[in-house]
Amino acid sequence: MTALTANRPTDSRSLGKKHWIPIAAGVTIYAGSVPMVDEAGYARPSASRAGNKGCWGVALEKYDNSKGIAGAVYCCVQEGVYK
């Protein structure tokens, strides 16, 4: 599967809790994506990595931490049932 390079619409059937997760350094999270939480507790684009702590929801907006240090930007993800 190819990584996202732009925001994408993600329709939902029902929505749950929101979580704010710090973003890893040098990372952009796109709206509608499903970021994973790495072993250090930082959000990253979904990928197969040892130590991933899973997905917590869908990103609600685009969050750009491409030039920041780890934790400089937080992303909001929302649990739910998505189409």
Protein backbone atom coordinates (compact mmCIF):
# COMPACT_ATOMS: atom_id res chain seq x y z
CA MET A 1 0.00 0.00 0.00
CA THR A 2 1.27 3.47 -0.91
CA ALA A 3 1.64 6.14 1.77
CA LEU A 4 -0.69 9.13 1.57
CA THR A 5 0.64 12.33 0.06
CA ALA A 6 -2.55 14.38 0.53
CA ASN A 7 -5.65 14.59 2.72
CA ARG A 8 -8.45 12.12 1.96
CA PRO A 9 -12.12 12.01 2.93
CA THR A 10 -12.95 9.22 5.36
CA ASP A 11 -16.67 8.67 5.93
CA SER A 12 -17.85 7.35 9.28
CA ARG A 13 -20.81 5.33 10.48
CA SER A 14 -20.35 6.23 14.14
CA LEU A 15 -17.80 8.26 16.07
CA GLY A 16 -16.10 7.66 19.40
CA LYS A 17 -13.57 9.36 21.66
CA LYS A 18 -10.91 11.77 20.47
CA HIS A 19 -7.24 11.37 21.40
CA TRP A 20 -4.38 13.88 21.09
CA ILE A 21 -1.10 12.14 20.22
CA PRO A 22 2.35 13.75 19.87
CA ILE A 23 3.84 13.39 16.38
CA ALA A 24 7.29 11.97 15.64
CA ALA A 25 9.99 14.29 14.25
CA GLY A 26 10.03 14.81 10.50
CA VAL A 27 6.49 13.49 9.99
CA THR A 28 3.33 14.76 8.30
CA ILE A 29 0.00 13.16 9.21
CA TYR A 30 -2.75 13.69 6.61
CA ALA A 31 -6.46 14.17 7.34
CA GLY A 32 -8.36 10.92 6.90
CA SER A 33 -5.29 8.76 7.48
CA VAL A 34 -4.91 6.18 10.23
CA PRO A 35 -1.63 6.97 12.01
CA MET A 36 0.08 4.36 14.16
CA VAL A 37 1.63 4.98 17.55
CA ASP A 38 5.28 3.87 17.67
CA GLU A 39 7.22 2.31 20.54
CA ALA A 40 8.11 5.78 21.90
CA GLY A 41 4.45 6.92 21.91
CA TYR A 42 4.63 9.17 18.81
CA ALA A 43 2.20 9.17 15.89
CA ARG A 44 3.61 8.14 12.50
CA PRO A 45 2.06 7.24 9.14
CA SER A 46 0.88 3.63 9.23
CA ALA A 47 3.59 1.10 8.45
CA SER A 48 4.75 -2.27 9.62
CA ARG A 49 7.29 -1.63 12.39
CA ALA A 50 8.41 -3.64 15.36
CA GLY A 51 7.06 -2.09 18.53
CA ASN A 52 3.99 -0.37 17.09
CA LYS A 53 1.29 0.17 19.70
CA GLY A 54 -1.53 0.17 17.14
CA CYS A 55 -3.92 2.67 15.65
CA TRP A 56 -6.12 4.86 17.84
CA GLY A 57 -8.37 6.41 15.19
CA VAL A 58 -8.56 8.55 12.05
CA ALA A 59 -6.70 11.88 11.85
CA LEU A 60 -9.16 14.79 11.74
CA GLU A 61 -6.84 17.33 10.05
CA LYS A 62 -3.45 17.59 8.38
CA TYR A 63 -0.65 17.96 10.94
CA ASP A 64 2.81 18.94 9.75
CA ASN A 65 5.79 18.23 11.98
CA SER A 66 8.20 17.78 9.06
CA LYS A 67 10.58 20.40 10.46
CA GLY A 68 9.93 19.98 14.18
CA ILE A 69 11.30 17.83 16.97
CA ALA A 70 9.35 14.84 18.28
CA GLY A 71 6.32 16.02 20.26
CA ALA A 72 6.39 19.61 18.95
CA VAL A 73 3.01 19.03 17.24
CA TYR A 74 0.07 16.90 18.37
CA CYS A 75 -2.53 15.29 16.12
CA CYS A 76 -6.15 14.64 17.01
CA VAL A 77 -7.51 11.23 16.02
CA GLN A 78 -11.04 9.98 16.52
CA GLU A 79 -12.14 6.42 17.25
CA GLY A 80 -15.12 5.14 15.33
CA VAL A 81 -16.53 2.87 12.68
CA TYR A 82 -15.40 4.03 9.27
CA LYS A 83 -16.48 3.00 5.79
